[in-house]
Amino acid sequence: MTIVSQDAIGPSLGEQRFAVVDVETSGLSPRRHRILQVAVVHARADGTILDEWASDVRPRLWRVGPTHVHGLTARRLRGAPTIAGLVPELVGRLDGAVLAAHNASFDWAFLRRSLRRAGYTPPDARRLCTLRLSRSLDGDGVDSHRLVDLCDRYGIDHPNAHDALADARATATLLPHLLRAAGTNDLGSLNGAVRGVTTAWPAPTAGGRSWWRRTVLGQR
């Protein structure tokens, strides 16, 4: 659904494709915890949703962490694919797009480490953080920049918070409001809200091995 006019965004930025990502995890540490659910929503800067994809992820040692937050149980995730099995689909959906997320440093840290564990080396992806962007626009005048609170402010429907696909959809809908408020047609001018340099993701190699296999077999 288009919610912001193309003229309000600008023609160059309006042509950019964003891969809006959200992950639900078993905890807060990318080193010790794992992704349990991942979603990617392709969207334009004007809020047009192009397509969406989501998957549960089988957890390591069946540790699911705070089920009361994300609603994911070991029983539900029993038949889910591993992150290694999702690498081709995930990489294909990120390739050629600017990765966007609310608190992108969190999502990116988990994605990067999970992909590396699976034997794939991610590039320094260009990524836009809607949390940082919102903070840069409002300064210290707003108490909360949580996704749920920003959705309330902009009148965005956000049912089922802490579901990866629901959060990615909400972030994709929030994005054009923030870009319009920033008043720019150049991602490079968004200062601390944008990190990374490339939108090109190399295809996974058939011989890619997880970190523990490379260590045990001496293949680094």
N, C-alpha and C. Protein backbone atom coordinates (compact mmCIF):
# COMPACT_ATOMS: atom_id res chain seq x y z
N MET A 1 0.84 -1.19 0.00
CA MET A 1 0.00 0.00 0.00
C MET A 1 0.88 1.24 0.00
N THR A 2 0.64 2.16 -0.94
CA THR A 2 1.38 3.41 -0.99
C THR A 2 0.76 4.41 -0.02
N ILE A 3 1.58 4.93 0.89
CA ILE A 3 1.02 5.82 1.90
C ILE A 3 1.63 7.22 1.86
N VAL A 4 2.72 7.41 1.11
CA VAL A 4 3.34 8.72 0.97
C VAL A 4 3.57 8.97 -0.51
N SER A 5 3.19 10.13 -1.00
CA SER A 5 3.31 10.41 -2.42
C SER A 5 4.75 10.35 -2.88
N GLN A 6 4.95 9.94 -4.12
CA GLN A 6 6.29 9.86 -4.68
C GLN A 6 6.99 11.22 -4.65
N ASP A 7 6.26 12.29 -4.92
CA ASP A 7 6.85 13.62 -4.94
C ASP A 7 7.39 14.01 -3.57
N ALA A 8 6.74 13.52 -2.50
CA ALA A 8 7.17 13.86 -1.15
C ALA A 8 8.50 13.20 -0.81
N ILE A 9 8.77 12.06 -1.45
CA ILE A 9 10.02 11.33 -1.19
C ILE A 9 11.13 11.80 -2.12
N GLY A 10 10.82 12.00 -3.38
CA GLY A 10 11.84 12.36 -4.36
C GLY A 10 12.08 11.19 -5.31
N PRO A 11 12.32 11.46 -6.60
CA PRO A 11 12.39 10.40 -7.59
C PRO A 11 13.53 9.42 -7.37
N SER A 12 14.72 9.90 -6.99
CA SER A 12 15.87 8.99 -6.84
C SER A 12 15.67 8.03 -5.69
N LEU A 13 15.34 8.56 -4.53
CA LEU A 13 15.12 7.72 -3.36
C LEU A 13 13.87 6.86 -3.55
N GLY A 14 12.90 7.39 -4.26
CA GLY A 14 11.67 6.64 -4.47
C GLY A 14 11.87 5.38 -5.28
N GLU A 15 12.95 5.30 -6.06
CA GLU A 15 13.24 4.11 -6.86
C GLU A 15 14.02 3.06 -6.07
N GLN A 16 14.50 3.44 -4.91
CA GLN A 16 15.32 2.52 -4.12
C GLN A 16 14.48 1.40 -3.52
N ARG A 17 14.99 0.19 -3.60
CA ARG A 17 14.31 -0.96 -2.97
C ARG A 17 14.95 -1.22 -1.61
N PHE A 18 14.10 -1.38 -0.60
CA PHE A 18 14.55 -1.67 0.75
C PHE A 18 14.16 -3.10 1.13
N ALA A 19 15.08 -3.78 1.80
CA ALA A 19 14.78 -5.07 2.40
C ALA A 19 14.63 -4.82 3.90
N VAL A 20 13.40 -4.71 4.35
CA VAL A 20 13.13 -4.40 5.75
C VAL A 20 13.15 -5.70 6.55
N VAL A 21 14.05 -5.76 7.51
CA VAL A 21 14.35 -7.01 8.21
C VAL A 21 13.94 -6.92 9.67
N ASP A 22 13.47 -8.03 10.20
CA ASP A 22 13.30 -8.15 11.65
C ASP A 22 13.64 -9.56 12.06
N VAL A 23 14.29 -9.70 13.22
CA VAL A 23 14.58 -11.02 13.78
C VAL A 23 14.06 -11.09 15.20
N GLU A 24 13.57 -12.26 15.57
CA GLU A 24 13.26 -12.57 16.96
C GLU A 24 14.31 -13.56 17.43
N THR A 25 14.79 -13.38 18.64
CA THR A 25 15.95 -14.14 19.10
C THR A 25 15.74 -14.75 20.48
N SER A 26 16.63 -15.66 20.83
CA SER A 26 16.53 -16.33 22.13
C SER A 26 17.14 -15.51 23.26
N GLY A 27 17.70 -14.35 22.94
CA GLY A 27 18.30 -13.48 23.93
C GLY A 27 18.89 -12.27 23.25
N LEU A 28 19.68 -11.51 23.98
CA LEU A 28 20.16 -10.23 23.48
C LEU A 28 21.60 -10.26 22.98
N SER A 29 22.31 -11.36 23.17
CA SER A 29 23.71 -11.44 22.80
C SER A 29 23.89 -12.22 21.49
N PRO A 30 24.38 -11.59 20.42
CA PRO A 30 24.62 -12.33 19.18
C PRO A 30 25.63 -13.45 19.35
N ARG A 31 26.51 -13.33 20.32
CA ARG A 31 27.52 -14.36 20.53
C ARG A 31 26.93 -15.60 21.21
N ARG A 32 26.01 -15.41 22.16
CA ARG A 32 25.50 -16.53 22.95
C ARG A 32 24.11 -16.99 22.54
N HIS A 33 23.35 -16.14 21.86
CA HIS A 33 21.97 -16.47 21.55
C HIS A 33 21.78 -16.63 20.03
N ARG A 34 20.58 -17.06 19.66
CA ARG A 34 20.33 -17.44 18.27
C ARG A 34 19.04 -16.81 17.73
N ILE A 35 18.99 -16.70 16.40
CA ILE A 35 17.78 -16.25 15.73
C ILE A 35 16.74 -17.37 15.78
N LEU A 36 15.52 -17.01 16.16
CA LEU A 36 14.40 -17.96 16.19
C LEU A 36 13.39 -17.70 15.07
N GLN A 37 13.39 -16.49 14.54
CA GLN A 37 12.43 -16.12 13.51
C GLN A 37 13.02 -14.94 12.73
N VAL A 38 12.85 -14.96 11.41
CA VAL A 38 13.38 -13.89 10.57
C VAL A 38 12.35 -13.54 9.50
N ALA A 39 12.28 -12.26 9.18
CA ALA A 39 11.36 -11.79 8.15
C ALA A 39 12.05 -10.73 7.30
N VAL A 40 11.71 -10.72 6.01
CA VAL A 40 12.19 -9.71 5.08
C VAL A 40 11.00 -9.20 4.28
N VAL A 41 10.77 -7.90 4.34
CA VAL A 41 9.71 -7.25 3.56
C VAL A 41 10.36 -6.32 2.55
N HIS A 42 10.13 -6.55 1.27
CA HIS A 42 10.64 -5.65 0.24
C HIS A 42 9.66 -4.49 0.08
N ALA A 43 10.19 -3.28 0.12
CA ALA A 43 9.33 -2.10 0.05
C ALA A 43 10.05 -0.97 -0.67
N ARG A 44 9.27 -0.04 -1.22
CA ARG A 44 9.79 1.19 -1.78
C ARG A 44 9.79 2.27 -0.70
N ALA A 45 10.48 3.34 -0.99
CA ALA A 45 10.57 4.44 -0.02
C ALA A 45 9.24 5.12 0.21
N ASP A 46 8.28 4.96 -0.69
CA ASP A 46 6.97 5.60 -0.52
C ASP A 46 6.00 4.72 0.28
N GLY A 47 6.46 3.54 0.72
CA GLY A 47 5.63 2.66 1.51
C GLY A 47 4.98 1.54 0.74
N THR A 48 5.24 1.44 -0.56
CA THR A 48 4.69 0.34 -1.35
C THR A 48 5.36 -0.97 -0.97
N ILE A 49 4.58 -1.93 -0.54
CA ILE A 49 5.09 -3.26 -0.20
C ILE A 49 5.15 -4.08 -1.49
N LEU A 50 6.33 -4.59 -1.81
CA LEU A 50 6.52 -5.36 -3.04
C LEU A 50 6.32 -6.85 -2.80
N ASP A 51 6.89 -7.37 -1.76
CA ASP A 51 6.66 -8.77 -1.36
C ASP A 51 7.19 -8.96 0.05
N GLU A 52 6.91 -10.11 0.61
CA GLU A 52 7.35 -10.39 1.98
C GLU A 52 7.60 -11.87 2.16
N TRP A 53 8.46 -12.17 3.11
CA TRP A 53 8.84 -13.56 3.39
C TRP A 53 9.22 -13.65 4.86
N ALA A 54 8.91 -14.78 5.47
CA ALA A 54 9.28 -14.99 6.87
C ALA A 54 9.45 -16.48 7.12
N SER A 55 10.26 -16.80 8.11
CA SER A 55 10.45 -18.20 8.48
C SER A 55 10.81 -18.30 9.95
N ASP A 56 10.28 -19.34 10.60
CA ASP A 56 10.80 -19.73 11.89
C ASP A 56 12.17 -20.37 11.67
N VAL A 57 12.98 -20.41 12.73
CA VAL A 57 14.33 -20.97 12.64
C VAL A 57 14.52 -21.95 13.79
N ARG A 58 15.01 -23.14 13.47
CA ARG A 58 15.23 -24.14 14.51
C ARG A 58 16.34 -23.67 15.45
N PRO A 59 16.09 -23.64 16.75
CA PRO A 59 17.10 -23.13 17.68
C PRO A 59 18.17 -24.15 18.02
N ARG A 60 19.32 -23.66 18.36
CA ARG A 60 20.41 -24.52 18.82
C ARG A 60 20.08 -25.05 20.21
N LEU A 61 20.18 -26.36 20.39
CA LEU A 61 19.92 -27.02 21.67
C LEU A 61 18.52 -26.72 22.21
N TRP A 62 17.61 -26.29 21.31
CA TRP A 62 16.21 -26.03 21.66
C TRP A 62 16.05 -24.96 22.71
N ARG A 63 16.98 -24.05 22.78
CA ARG A 63 16.87 -22.93 23.72
C ARG A 63 16.13 -21.78 23.05
N VAL A 64 14.98 -21.43 23.61
CA VAL A 64 14.13 -20.41 22.97
C VAL A 64 14.07 -19.10 23.75
N GLY A 65 14.58 -19.08 24.96
CA GLY A 65 14.62 -17.82 25.70
C GLY A 65 13.24 -17.34 26.13
N PRO A 66 13.01 -16.01 26.07
CA PRO A 66 11.80 -15.41 26.64
C PRO A 66 10.55 -15.62 25.78
N THR A 67 9.94 -16.79 25.92
CA THR A 67 8.72 -17.09 25.16
C THR A 67 7.62 -16.08 25.46
N HIS A 68 7.60 -15.54 26.66
CA HIS A 68 6.55 -14.57 27.01
C HIS A 68 6.67 -13.29 26.19
N VAL A 69 7.83 -13.05 25.59
CA VAL A 69 8.01 -11.88 24.74
C VAL A 69 7.68 -12.19 23.28
N HIS A 70 8.33 -13.22 22.73
CA HIS A 70 8.18 -13.50 21.29
C HIS A 70 7.14 -14.57 20.97
N GLY A 71 6.67 -15.31 21.97
CA GLY A 71 5.64 -16.31 21.75
C GLY A 71 6.10 -17.57 21.06
N LEU A 72 7.40 -17.77 20.90
CA LEU A 72 7.94 -18.93 20.19
C LEU A 72 8.34 -20.01 21.18
N THR A 73 7.92 -21.23 20.90
CA THR A 73 8.21 -22.35 21.78
C THR A 73 9.07 -23.37 21.05
N ALA A 74 9.76 -24.20 21.83
CA ALA A 74 10.58 -25.26 21.24
C ALA A 74 9.71 -26.21 20.43
N ARG A 75 8.52 -26.47 20.89
CA ARG A 75 7.63 -27.37 20.15
C ARG A 75 7.27 -26.80 18.78
N ARG A 76 6.96 -25.53 18.73
CA ARG A 76 6.62 -24.91 17.44
C ARG A 76 7.81 -24.93 16.48
N LEU A 77 9.02 -24.73 17.01
CA LEU A 77 10.19 -24.59 16.17
C LEU A 77 10.84 -25.92 15.82
N ARG A 78 10.28 -27.01 16.31
CA ARG A 78 10.90 -28.32 16.12
C ARG A 78 11.09 -28.66 14.65
N GLY A 79 10.12 -28.33 13.82
CA GLY A 79 10.22 -28.68 12.40
C GLY A 79 10.73 -27.56 11.52
N ALA A 80 11.20 -26.47 12.12
CA ALA A 80 11.68 -25.32 11.34
C ALA A 80 13.05 -25.61 10.74
N PRO A 81 13.39 -24.94 9.64
CA PRO A 81 14.73 -25.11 9.07
C PRO A 81 15.79 -24.45 9.93
N THR A 82 17.01 -24.90 9.79
CA THR A 82 18.13 -24.23 10.45
C THR A 82 18.47 -22.96 9.69
N ILE A 83 19.25 -22.07 10.31
CA ILE A 83 19.65 -20.86 9.62
C ILE A 83 20.50 -21.20 8.40
N ALA A 84 21.28 -22.28 8.49
CA ALA A 84 22.09 -22.69 7.34
C ALA A 84 21.20 -23.05 6.14
N GLY A 85 20.06 -23.68 6.42
CA GLY A 85 19.15 -24.03 5.35
C GLY A 85 18.46 -22.84 4.73
N LEU A 86 18.44 -21.72 5.44
CA LEU A 86 17.76 -20.52 4.96
C LEU A 86 18.71 -19.55 4.25
N VAL A 87 20.02 -19.83 4.28
CA VAL A 87 20.99 -18.89 3.73
C VAL A 87 20.70 -18.51 2.28
N PRO A 88 20.47 -19.46 1.35
CA PRO A 88 20.23 -19.06 -0.04
C PRO A 88 19.02 -18.13 -0.20
N GLU A 89 17.93 -18.44 0.48
CA GLU A 89 16.73 -17.61 0.40
C GLU A 89 16.97 -16.23 1.00
N LEU A 90 17.60 -16.21 2.16
CA LEU A 90 17.84 -14.95 2.85
C LEU A 90 18.79 -14.06 2.07
N VAL A 91 19.88 -14.61 1.59
CA VAL A 91 20.84 -13.83 0.81
C VAL A 91 20.21 -13.30 -0.47
N GLY A 92 19.43 -14.14 -1.13
CA GLY A 92 18.77 -13.70 -2.35
C GLY A 92 17.82 -12.54 -2.13
N ARG A 93 17.18 -12.50 -0.98
CA ARG A 93 16.25 -11.43 -0.68
C ARG A 93 16.95 -10.14 -0.24
N LEU A 94 18.14 -10.25 0.28
CA LEU A 94 18.89 -9.06 0.69
C LEU A 94 19.69 -8.47 -0.46
N ASP A 95 20.01 -9.28 -1.45
CA ASP A 95 20.84 -8.83 -2.56
C ASP A 95 20.19 -7.71 -3.35
N GLY A 96 20.92 -6.62 -3.54
CA GLY A 96 20.45 -5.50 -4.36
C GLY A 96 19.57 -4.51 -3.64
N ALA A 97 19.34 -4.72 -2.36
CA ALA A 97 18.46 -3.82 -1.60
C ALA A 97 19.22 -3.20 -0.44
N VAL A 98 18.75 -2.03 -0.01
CA VAL A 98 19.25 -1.44 1.23
C VAL A 98 18.55 -2.12 2.39
N LEU A 99 19.31 -2.71 3.27
CA LEU A 99 18.73 -3.36 4.44
C LEU A 99 18.23 -2.28 5.39
N ALA A 100 17.01 -2.42 5.86
CA ALA A 100 16.44 -1.47 6.82
C ALA A 100 15.87 -2.24 7.98
N ALA A 101 15.97 -1.67 9.17
CA ALA A 101 15.44 -2.31 10.37
C ALA A 101 15.28 -1.28 11.46
N HIS A 102 14.40 -1.59 12.40
CA HIS A 102 14.26 -0.74 13.58
C HIS A 102 15.22 -1.27 14.63
N ASN A 103 16.23 -0.48 14.98
CA ASN A 103 17.38 -0.92 15.76
C ASN A 103 18.22 -1.87 14.91
N ALA A 104 18.69 -1.35 13.78
CA ALA A 104 19.42 -2.16 12.80
C ALA A 104 20.68 -2.76 13.37
N SER A 105 21.32 -2.10 14.33
CA SER A 105 22.55 -2.66 14.90
C SER A 105 22.27 -4.01 15.56
N PHE A 106 21.10 -4.15 16.17
CA PHE A 106 20.72 -5.41 16.81
C PHE A 106 20.46 -6.49 15.76
N ASP A 107 19.58 -6.20 14.81
CA ASP A 107 19.24 -7.19 13.78
C ASP A 107 20.46 -7.56 12.94
N TRP A 108 21.27 -6.56 12.58
CA TRP A 108 22.44 -6.82 11.75
C TRP A 108 23.46 -7.67 12.49
N ALA A 109 23.67 -7.43 13.77
CA ALA A 109 24.63 -8.22 14.53
C ALA A 109 24.23 -9.69 14.56
N PHE A 110 22.94 -9.97 14.74
CA PHE A 110 22.47 -11.35 14.75
C PHE A 110 22.55 -11.97 13.36
N LEU A 111 22.13 -11.23 12.34
CA LEU A 111 22.20 -11.76 10.97
C LEU A 111 23.63 -12.08 10.59
N ARG A 112 24.52 -11.14 10.81
CA ARG A 112 25.92 -11.31 10.42
C ARG A 112 26.55 -12.52 11.10
N ARG A 113 26.35 -12.63 12.41
CA ARG A 113 26.96 -13.75 13.14
C ARG A 113 26.32 -15.08 12.75
N SER A 114 25.00 -15.08 12.56
CA SER A 114 24.32 -16.33 12.18
C SER A 114 24.76 -16.81 10.81
N LEU A 115 24.91 -15.89 9.86
CA LEU A 115 25.35 -16.26 8.53
C LEU A 115 26.79 -16.78 8.56
N ARG A 116 27.62 -16.15 9.36
CA ARG A 116 29.00 -16.62 9.47
C ARG A 116 29.07 -18.01 10.09
N ARG A 117 28.24 -18.26 11.09
CA ARG A 117 28.21 -19.61 11.67
C ARG A 117 27.82 -20.64 10.61
N ALA A 118 26.99 -20.24 9.67
CA ALA A 118 26.51 -21.16 8.64
C ALA A 118 27.49 -21.28 7.47
N GLY A 119 28.63 -20.58 7.54
CA GLY A 119 29.64 -20.69 6.50
C GLY A 119 29.57 -19.64 5.42
N TYR A 120 28.73 -18.61 5.60
CA TYR A 120 28.60 -17.53 4.63
C TYR A 120 29.18 -16.25 5.22
N THR A 121 30.01 -15.56 4.44
CA THR A 121 30.59 -14.30 4.90
C THR A 121 29.80 -13.13 4.31
N PRO A 122 29.00 -12.43 5.12
CA PRO A 122 28.18 -11.34 4.60
C PRO A 122 29.03 -10.12 4.26
N PRO A 123 28.62 -9.33 3.28
CA PRO A 123 29.33 -8.10 2.95
C PRO A 123 29.02 -7.01 3.97
N ASP A 124 29.69 -5.87 3.83
CA ASP A 124 29.37 -4.71 4.67
C ASP A 124 28.13 -4.05 4.08
N ALA A 125 26.99 -4.65 4.38
CA ALA A 125 25.73 -4.26 3.74
C ALA A 125 25.35 -2.82 4.09
N ARG A 126 24.82 -2.11 3.10
CA ARG A 126 24.28 -0.79 3.38
C ARG A 126 22.96 -0.96 4.12
N ARG A 127 22.85 -0.29 5.24
CA ARG A 127 21.69 -0.53 6.10
C ARG A 127 21.24 0.78 6.75
N LEU A 128 19.94 0.91 6.84
CA LEU A 128 19.30 2.10 7.39
C LEU A 128 18.58 1.72 8.67
N CYS A 129 18.84 2.47 9.73
CA CYS A 129 18.20 2.21 11.02
C CYS A 129 17.10 3.23 11.24
N THR A 130 15.85 2.78 11.28
CA THR A 130 14.74 3.70 11.50
C THR A 130 14.72 4.23 12.93
N LEU A 131 15.26 3.47 13.87
CA LEU A 131 15.36 3.97 15.25
C LEU A 131 16.30 5.16 15.32
N ARG A 132 17.48 5.03 14.74
CA ARG A 132 18.44 6.14 14.72
C ARG A 132 17.89 7.34 13.94
N LEU A 133 17.21 7.05 12.84
CA LEU A 133 16.65 8.13 12.04
C LEU A 133 15.60 8.89 12.83
N SER A 134 14.73 8.19 13.53
CA SER A 134 13.71 8.85 14.34
C SER A 134 14.34 9.70 15.43
N ARG A 135 15.35 9.17 16.09
CA ARG A 135 16.02 9.94 17.14
C ARG A 135 16.69 11.19 16.58
N SER A 136 17.27 11.09 15.38
CA SER A 136 17.94 12.25 14.79
C SER A 136 16.95 13.35 14.41
N LEU A 137 15.72 12.95 14.10
CA LEU A 137 14.69 13.93 13.71
C LEU A 137 14.10 14.63 14.92
N ASP A 138 13.96 13.91 16.03
CA ASP A 138 13.26 14.44 17.20
C ASP A 138 14.19 14.94 18.30
N GLY A 139 15.47 14.58 18.22
CA GLY A 139 16.38 14.99 19.27
C GLY A 139 15.95 14.42 20.62
N ASP A 140 16.00 15.22 21.65
CA ASP A 140 15.64 14.78 22.99
C ASP A 140 14.20 15.13 23.36
N GLY A 141 13.42 15.57 22.38
CA GLY A 141 12.08 16.04 22.70
C GLY A 141 11.03 14.96 22.79
N VAL A 142 11.39 13.71 22.46
CA VAL A 142 10.43 12.61 22.50
C VAL A 142 10.96 11.55 23.46
N ASP A 143 10.08 11.07 24.32
CA ASP A 143 10.51 10.11 25.34
C ASP A 143 10.82 8.73 24.77
N SER A 144 10.06 8.30 23.78
CA SER A 144 10.21 6.93 23.29
C SER A 144 10.26 6.88 21.77
N HIS A 145 11.19 6.09 21.27
CA HIS A 145 11.28 5.82 19.84
C HIS A 145 11.10 4.33 19.57
N ARG A 146 10.45 3.64 20.50
CA ARG A 146 10.14 2.23 20.26
C ARG A 146 9.22 2.12 19.06
N LEU A 147 9.31 0.99 18.36
CA LEU A 147 8.50 0.80 17.16
C LEU A 147 7.02 0.94 17.47
N VAL A 148 6.56 0.34 18.56
CA VAL A 148 5.14 0.39 18.89
C VAL A 148 4.68 1.82 19.14
N ASP A 149 5.54 2.64 19.76
CA ASP A 149 5.17 4.02 20.06
C ASP A 149 5.19 4.89 18.81
N LEU A 150 6.14 4.65 17.92
CA LEU A 150 6.17 5.40 16.66
C LEU A 150 4.98 5.03 15.78
N CYS A 151 4.57 3.76 15.82
CA CYS A 151 3.37 3.37 15.07
C CYS A 151 2.14 4.08 15.60
N ASP A 152 2.03 4.23 16.91
CA ASP A 152 0.93 4.98 17.49
C ASP A 152 0.97 6.43 17.03
N ARG A 153 2.14 7.02 17.00
CA ARG A 153 2.27 8.43 16.62
C ARG A 153 1.84 8.67 15.17
N TYR A 154 2.21 7.74 14.30
CA TYR A 154 1.92 7.93 12.87
C TYR A 154 0.65 7.22 12.41
N GLY A 155 -0.10 6.66 13.35
CA GLY A 155 -1.36 6.02 13.00
C GLY A 155 -1.19 4.74 12.20
N ILE A 156 -0.14 3.98 12.49
CA ILE A 156 0.15 2.74 11.78
C ILE A 156 -0.38 1.56 12.58
N ASP A 157 -1.15 0.72 11.94
CA ASP A 157 -1.68 -0.47 12.60
C ASP A 157 -0.54 -1.46 12.82
N HIS A 158 -0.37 -1.91 14.05
CA HIS A 158 0.74 -2.82 14.37
C HIS A 158 0.29 -3.91 15.32
N PRO A 159 -0.51 -4.86 14.80
CA PRO A 159 -0.91 -5.99 15.64
C PRO A 159 0.22 -6.99 15.78
N ASN A 160 0.18 -7.78 16.81
CA ASN A 160 1.12 -8.89 16.98
C ASN A 160 2.57 -8.43 17.06
N ALA A 161 2.84 -7.43 17.89
CA ALA A 161 4.21 -6.96 18.09
C ALA A 161 5.09 -8.10 18.57
N HIS A 162 6.35 -8.07 18.18
CA HIS A 162 7.36 -9.09 18.47
C HIS A 162 7.16 -10.36 17.67
N ASP A 163 6.35 -10.30 16.64
CA ASP A 163 6.37 -11.29 15.57
C ASP A 163 7.23 -10.69 14.47
N ALA A 164 8.17 -11.45 13.92
CA ALA A 164 9.14 -10.88 12.98
C ALA A 164 8.46 -10.25 11.77
N LEU A 165 7.50 -10.93 11.17
CA LEU A 165 6.85 -10.39 9.99
C LEU A 165 6.01 -9.17 10.33
N ALA A 166 5.31 -9.19 11.44
CA ALA A 166 4.51 -8.04 11.86
C ALA A 166 5.39 -6.82 12.11
N ASP A 167 6.53 -7.03 12.75
CA ASP A 167 7.44 -5.92 13.03
C ASP A 167 8.08 -5.39 11.74
N ALA A 168 8.42 -6.29 10.83
CA ALA A 168 8.99 -5.85 9.55
C ALA A 168 7.98 -5.06 8.74
N ARG A 169 6.73 -5.51 8.72
CA ARG A 169 5.68 -4.76 8.01
C ARG A 169 5.51 -3.36 8.62
N ALA A 170 5.48 -3.30 9.94
CA ALA A 170 5.30 -2.02 10.60
C ALA A 170 6.47 -1.08 10.30
N THR A 171 7.68 -1.61 10.30
CA THR A 171 8.85 -0.79 10.00
C THR A 171 8.82 -0.30 8.56
N ALA A 172 8.40 -1.16 7.64
CA ALA A 172 8.29 -0.76 6.23
C ALA A 172 7.26 0.35 6.05
N THR A 173 6.21 0.32 6.84
CA THR A 173 5.17 1.35 6.76
C THR A 173 5.62 2.65 7.44
N LEU A 174 6.44 2.51 8.47
CA LEU A 174 6.98 3.67 9.17
C LEU A 174 8.04 4.40 8.35
N LEU A 175 8.81 3.65 7.59
CA LEU A 175 9.96 4.20 6.86
C LEU A 175 9.64 5.45 6.03
N PRO A 176 8.61 5.46 5.20
CA PRO A 176 8.36 6.66 4.39
C PRO A 176 8.03 7.90 5.20
N HIS A 177 7.38 7.72 6.34
CA HIS A 177 7.09 8.88 7.20
C HIS A 177 8.39 9.52 7.68
N LEU A 178 9.34 8.69 8.06
CA LEU A 178 10.62 9.21 8.55
C LEU A 178 11.44 9.83 7.43
N LEU A 179 11.43 9.20 6.26
CA LEU A 179 12.19 9.75 5.12
C LEU A 179 11.61 11.10 4.69
N ARG A 180 10.30 11.20 4.70
CA ARG A 180 9.68 12.48 4.35
C ARG A 180 10.04 13.55 5.37
N ALA A 181 10.02 13.17 6.66
CA ALA A 181 10.36 14.13 7.71
C ALA A 181 11.83 14.56 7.61
N ALA A 182 12.69 13.66 7.13
CA ALA A 182 14.10 14.00 6.99
C ALA A 182 14.34 14.98 5.86
N GLY A 183 13.41 15.02 4.88
CA GLY A 183 13.50 15.99 3.79
C GLY A 183 14.71 15.83 2.91
N THR A 184 15.08 14.58 2.61
CA THR A 184 16.26 14.36 1.77
C THR A 184 15.96 13.32 0.70
N ASN A 185 16.70 13.42 -0.41
CA ASN A 185 16.60 12.44 -1.48
C ASN A 185 17.89 11.65 -1.58
N ASP A 186 18.71 11.70 -0.53
CA ASP A 186 20.02 11.06 -0.55
C ASP A 186 20.25 10.33 0.76
N LEU A 187 20.36 9.01 0.71
CA LEU A 187 20.59 8.24 1.93
C LEU A 187 21.90 8.65 2.60
N GLY A 188 22.88 9.06 1.81
CA GLY A 188 24.16 9.45 2.37
C GLY A 188 24.09 10.65 3.28
N SER A 189 23.03 11.43 3.19
CA SER A 189 22.90 12.63 4.03
C SER A 189 22.23 12.34 5.36
N LEU A 190 21.89 11.08 5.60
CA LEU A 190 21.18 10.73 6.84
C LEU A 190 22.13 10.43 7.99
N ASN A 191 23.39 10.74 7.80
CA ASN A 191 24.40 10.68 8.86
C ASN A 191 24.40 9.34 9.58
N GLY A 192 24.21 9.35 10.88
CA GLY A 192 24.34 8.13 11.68
C GLY A 192 23.26 7.10 11.45
N ALA A 193 22.22 7.42 10.70
CA ALA A 193 21.14 6.45 10.47
C ALA A 193 21.51 5.42 9.42
N VAL A 194 22.55 5.67 8.63
CA VAL A 194 22.95 4.77 7.55
C VAL A 194 24.37 4.28 7.80
N ARG A 195 24.55 2.96 7.64
CA ARG A 195 25.87 2.34 7.77
C ARG A 195 26.11 1.46 6.53
N GLY A 196 27.36 1.05 6.35
CA GLY A 196 27.68 0.10 5.29
C GLY A 196 27.80 0.74 3.93
N VAL A 197 28.24 -0.07 2.96
CA VAL A 197 28.58 0.49 1.65
C VAL A 197 27.96 -0.21 0.46
N THR A 198 27.51 -1.45 0.60
CA THR A 198 27.12 -2.19 -0.60
C THR A 198 25.73 -2.80 -0.46
N THR A 199 25.08 -2.98 -1.62
CA THR A 199 23.82 -3.72 -1.66
C THR A 199 23.99 -5.05 -2.39
N ALA A 200 25.23 -5.37 -2.78
CA ALA A 200 25.49 -6.61 -3.51
C ALA A 200 25.89 -7.72 -2.55
N TRP A 201 25.16 -8.82 -2.59
CA TRP A 201 25.44 -9.98 -1.74
C TRP A 201 25.88 -11.14 -2.64
N PRO A 202 27.13 -11.58 -2.52
CA PRO A 202 27.58 -12.73 -3.32
C PRO A 202 26.74 -13.96 -3.04
N ALA A 203 26.53 -14.77 -4.08
CA ALA A 203 25.76 -16.00 -3.90
C ALA A 203 26.52 -16.96 -3.00
N PRO A 204 25.81 -17.71 -2.14
CA PRO A 204 26.48 -18.70 -1.28
C PRO A 204 27.17 -19.76 -2.12
N THR A 205 28.30 -20.24 -1.65
CA THR A 205 29.02 -21.31 -2.35
C THR A 205 28.55 -22.66 -1.85
N ALA A 206 28.54 -23.62 -2.75
CA ALA A 206 28.06 -24.96 -2.39
C ALA A 206 28.94 -25.60 -1.34
N GLY A 207 30.22 -25.18 -1.28
CA GLY A 207 31.13 -25.80 -0.32
C GLY A 207 31.23 -25.08 1.00
N GLY A 208 30.35 -24.10 1.22
CA GLY A 208 30.42 -23.35 2.47
C GLY A 208 30.19 -24.26 3.67
N ARG A 209 31.01 -24.10 4.70
CA ARG A 209 30.89 -24.93 5.90
C ARG A 209 30.67 -24.06 7.13
N SER A 210 29.96 -24.59 8.10
CA SER A 210 29.74 -23.86 9.34
C SER A 210 31.07 -23.67 10.07
N TRP A 211 31.09 -22.72 11.00
CA TRP A 211 32.34 -22.39 11.70
C TRP A 211 32.94 -23.59 12.42
N TRP A 212 32.09 -24.44 13.02
CA TRP A 212 32.63 -25.55 13.79
C TRP A 212 33.20 -26.62 12.88
N ARG A 213 32.61 -26.80 11.69
CA ARG A 213 33.18 -27.76 10.74
C ARG A 213 34.53 -27.27 10.21
N ARG A 214 34.61 -25.95 9.95
CA ARG A 214 35.88 -25.41 9.47
C ARG A 214 36.96 -25.56 10.54
N THR A 215 36.58 -25.39 11.81
CA THR A 215 37.55 -25.50 12.90
C THR A 215 38.00 -26.95 13.08
N VAL A 216 37.02 -27.86 13.15
CA VAL A 216 37.34 -29.28 13.37
C VAL A 216 38.13 -29.86 12.22
N LEU A 217 37.75 -29.47 10.98
CA LEU A 217 38.41 -30.04 9.80
C LEU A 217 39.61 -29.22 9.35
N GLY A 218 39.88 -28.13 10.05
CA GLY A 218 41.03 -27.32 9.71
C GLY A 218 40.84 -26.50 8.46
N GLN A 219 39.60 -26.20 8.11
CA GLN A 219 39.31 -25.42 6.90
C GLN A 219 38.82 -24.06 7.33
N ARG A 220 39.68 -23.07 7.29
CA ARG A 220 39.33 -21.74 7.74
C ARG A 220 39.22 -20.79 6.56
